[in-house]
Amino acid sequence: MNTFINFFIWGLIIAAPLWWLWWRFRLGYWLARSRSLFRRRAVQLPSQLEGLVIRGKRVGSPGRKA
């Protein structure tokens, strides 16, 4: 039981400052924002823009599409 209490107290000592840093710098907000910014979405172009070059690749050409 003594070992459990020691681990519990050390866990609180370590977790409290980490929680405060997480709260202070709003890391949850920044993590969610960065995940949404880095997530790639497929771009669907209308057929009249088929010849338009996006990121160096033609939409109608074989290979990876933009």
N, C-alpha and C. Protein backbone atom coordinates (compact mmCIF):
# COMPACT_ATOMS: atom_id res chain seq x y z
N MET A 1 0.83 -1.20 0.00
CA MET A 1 0.00 0.00 0.00
C MET A 1 0.87 1.26 0.00
N ASN A 2 1.99 1.18 0.71
CA ASN A 2 2.89 2.32 0.77
C ASN A 2 3.44 2.65 -0.62
N THR A 3 3.74 1.63 -1.41
CA THR A 3 4.24 1.85 -2.77
C THR A 3 3.19 2.54 -3.63
N PHE A 4 1.94 2.11 -3.50
CA PHE A 4 0.85 2.72 -4.26
C PHE A 4 0.72 4.21 -3.93
N ILE A 5 0.76 4.53 -2.65
CA ILE A 5 0.62 5.93 -2.23
C ILE A 5 1.79 6.76 -2.74
N ASN A 6 3.00 6.20 -2.71
CA ASN A 6 4.15 6.94 -3.23
C ASN A 6 4.00 7.21 -4.73
N PHE A 7 3.60 6.19 -5.49
CA PHE A 7 3.40 6.38 -6.92
C PHE A 7 2.28 7.38 -7.19
N PHE A 8 1.22 7.32 -6.39
CA PHE A 8 0.09 8.24 -6.55
C PHE A 8 0.54 9.68 -6.31
N ILE A 9 1.29 9.91 -5.26
CA ILE A 9 1.75 11.26 -4.94
C ILE A 9 2.71 11.76 -6.02
N TRP A 10 3.65 10.93 -6.46
CA TRP A 10 4.57 11.35 -7.53
C TRP A 10 3.82 11.60 -8.83
N GLY A 11 2.79 10.81 -9.09
CA GLY A 11 1.96 11.04 -10.27
C GLY A 11 1.29 12.39 -10.23
N LEU A 12 0.78 12.77 -9.07
CA LEU A 12 0.17 14.09 -8.93
C LEU A 12 1.20 15.20 -9.09
N ILE A 13 2.37 15.00 -8.51
CA ILE A 13 3.43 16.01 -8.60
C ILE A 13 3.83 16.23 -10.05
N ILE A 14 3.87 15.16 -10.83
CA ILE A 14 4.26 15.28 -12.24
C ILE A 14 3.09 15.75 -13.10
N ALA A 15 1.87 15.27 -12.82
CA ALA A 15 0.72 15.57 -13.67
C ALA A 15 0.22 17.00 -13.51
N ALA A 16 0.30 17.56 -12.33
CA ALA A 16 -0.24 18.90 -12.11
C ALA A 16 0.46 19.96 -12.97
N PRO A 17 1.78 20.03 -13.01
CA PRO A 17 2.42 21.03 -13.88
C PRO A 17 2.16 20.77 -15.36
N LEU A 18 2.11 19.49 -15.75
CA LEU A 18 1.83 19.19 -17.15
C LEU A 18 0.43 19.62 -17.54
N TRP A 19 -0.54 19.38 -16.65
CA TRP A 19 -1.90 19.82 -16.91
C TRP A 19 -1.96 21.33 -17.01
N TRP A 20 -1.25 22.05 -16.12
CA TRP A 20 -1.26 23.51 -16.15
C TRP A 20 -0.68 24.03 -17.46
N LEU A 21 0.42 23.42 -17.93
CA LEU A 21 1.00 23.84 -19.21
C LEU A 21 0.02 23.58 -20.35
N TRP A 22 -0.62 22.41 -20.33
CA TRP A 22 -1.61 22.07 -21.36
C TRP A 22 -2.73 23.11 -21.36
N TRP A 23 -3.23 23.51 -20.19
CA TRP A 23 -4.30 24.49 -20.06
C TRP A 23 -3.82 25.88 -20.46
N ARG A 24 -2.61 26.25 -20.00
CA ARG A 24 -2.10 27.60 -20.22
C ARG A 24 -1.87 27.90 -21.69
N PHE A 25 -1.31 26.94 -22.41
CA PHE A 25 -1.00 27.16 -23.81
C PHE A 25 -2.09 26.66 -24.75
N ARG A 26 -3.24 26.25 -24.18
CA ARG A 26 -4.39 25.80 -24.96
C ARG A 26 -3.97 24.77 -26.00
N LEU A 27 -3.23 23.76 -25.54
CA LEU A 27 -2.69 22.77 -26.46
C LEU A 27 -3.77 21.95 -27.14
N GLY A 28 -4.90 21.75 -26.48
CA GLY A 28 -6.00 21.03 -27.12
C GLY A 28 -6.52 21.77 -28.34
N TYR A 29 -6.62 23.10 -28.23
CA TYR A 29 -7.07 23.92 -29.35
C TYR A 29 -6.07 23.85 -30.50
N TRP A 30 -4.79 24.00 -30.18
CA TRP A 30 -3.77 24.01 -31.23
C TRP A 30 -3.61 22.64 -31.87
N LEU A 31 -3.77 21.59 -31.09
CA LEU A 31 -3.69 20.25 -31.66
C LEU A 31 -4.83 20.00 -32.64
N ALA A 32 -6.04 20.36 -32.26
CA ALA A 32 -7.18 20.18 -33.15
C ALA A 32 -7.04 21.05 -34.39
N ARG A 33 -6.56 22.26 -34.23
CA ARG A 33 -6.39 23.17 -35.38
C ARG A 33 -5.33 22.65 -36.34
N SER A 34 -4.22 22.18 -35.82
CA SER A 34 -3.15 21.68 -36.69
C SER A 34 -3.59 20.41 -37.41
N ARG A 35 -4.36 19.55 -36.74
CA ARG A 35 -4.85 18.34 -37.41
C ARG A 35 -5.78 18.70 -38.55
N SER A 36 -6.62 19.72 -38.37
CA SER A 36 -7.54 20.09 -39.45
C SER A 36 -6.79 20.78 -40.58
N LEU A 37 -5.72 21.50 -40.28
CA LEU A 37 -4.97 22.19 -41.32
C LEU A 37 -4.14 21.22 -42.16
N PHE A 38 -3.61 20.17 -41.53
CA PHE A 38 -2.75 19.24 -42.24
C PHE A 38 -3.51 18.11 -42.93
N ARG A 39 -4.79 17.99 -42.62
CA ARG A 39 -5.59 16.95 -43.27
C ARG A 39 -5.84 17.37 -44.72
N ARG A 40 -5.53 16.50 -45.65
CA ARG A 40 -5.72 16.82 -47.06
C ARG A 40 -7.12 16.43 -47.49
N ARG A 41 -7.70 17.29 -48.28
CA ARG A 41 -9.02 17.02 -48.82
C ARG A 41 -8.91 16.87 -50.32
N ALA A 42 -9.68 15.95 -50.87
CA ALA A 42 -9.69 15.75 -52.31
C ALA A 42 -10.38 16.93 -52.98
N VAL A 43 -9.82 17.38 -54.08
CA VAL A 43 -10.38 18.50 -54.82
C VAL A 43 -11.08 17.97 -56.05
N GLN A 44 -12.34 18.28 -56.19
CA GLN A 44 -13.12 17.89 -57.36
C GLN A 44 -13.33 19.12 -58.22
N LEU A 45 -12.77 19.09 -59.44
CA LEU A 45 -12.91 20.22 -60.36
C LEU A 45 -13.99 19.95 -61.39
N PRO A 46 -14.63 21.00 -61.86
CA PRO A 46 -15.58 20.82 -62.94
C PRO A 46 -14.87 20.38 -64.22
N SER A 47 -15.60 19.76 -65.13
CA SER A 47 -14.99 19.21 -66.33
C SER A 47 -14.37 20.29 -67.22
N GLN A 48 -14.88 21.52 -67.21
CA GLN A 48 -14.32 22.56 -68.07
C GLN A 48 -12.94 23.02 -67.60
N LEU A 49 -12.54 22.65 -66.39
CA LEU A 49 -11.22 23.02 -65.87
C LEU A 49 -10.24 21.86 -65.95
N GLU A 50 -10.53 20.87 -66.78
CA GLU A 50 -9.71 19.66 -66.84
C GLU A 50 -8.27 19.95 -67.25
N GLY A 51 -8.05 20.93 -68.10
CA GLY A 51 -6.70 21.25 -68.55
C GLY A 51 -5.91 22.11 -67.60
N LEU A 52 -6.53 22.59 -66.55
CA LEU A 52 -5.86 23.47 -65.60
C LEU A 52 -4.79 22.70 -64.82
N VAL A 53 -3.64 23.31 -64.64
CA VAL A 53 -2.55 22.65 -63.92
C VAL A 53 -2.62 23.03 -62.45
N ILE A 54 -2.65 22.01 -61.60
CA ILE A 54 -2.66 22.23 -60.15
C ILE A 54 -1.52 21.43 -59.55
N ARG A 55 -0.64 22.11 -58.81
CA ARG A 55 0.52 21.49 -58.18
C ARG A 55 1.37 20.72 -59.18
N GLY A 56 1.48 21.23 -60.39
CA GLY A 56 2.36 20.63 -61.38
C GLY A 56 1.80 19.39 -62.04
N LYS A 57 0.57 19.01 -61.78
CA LYS A 57 -0.03 17.82 -62.39
C LYS A 57 -1.30 18.24 -63.11
N ARG A 58 -1.50 17.68 -64.28
CA ARG A 58 -2.75 17.93 -64.97
C ARG A 58 -3.82 17.01 -64.39
N VAL A 59 -5.02 17.54 -64.26
CA VAL A 59 -6.10 16.78 -63.65
C VAL A 59 -6.45 15.57 -64.51
N GLY A 60 -6.44 15.71 -65.82
CA GLY A 60 -6.84 14.63 -66.70
C GLY A 60 -5.75 13.63 -66.98
N SER A 61 -4.51 13.91 -66.59
CA SER A 61 -3.40 13.02 -66.92
C SER A 61 -3.38 11.82 -65.98
N PRO A 62 -2.81 10.70 -66.43
CA PRO A 62 -2.71 9.55 -65.54
C PRO A 62 -1.73 9.83 -64.40
N GLY A 63 -1.90 9.13 -63.33
CA GLY A 63 -1.04 9.33 -62.16
C GLY A 63 -1.83 9.93 -61.02
N ARG A 64 -1.12 10.47 -60.07
CA ARG A 64 -1.77 11.03 -58.89
C ARG A 64 -2.49 12.32 -59.24
N LYS A 65 -3.72 12.44 -58.80
CA LYS A 65 -4.50 13.64 -59.07
C LYS A 65 -4.37 14.62 -57.92
N ALA A 66 -4.57 15.89 -58.22
CA ALA A 66 -4.46 16.93 -57.20
C ALA A 66 -5.64 16.89 -56.27
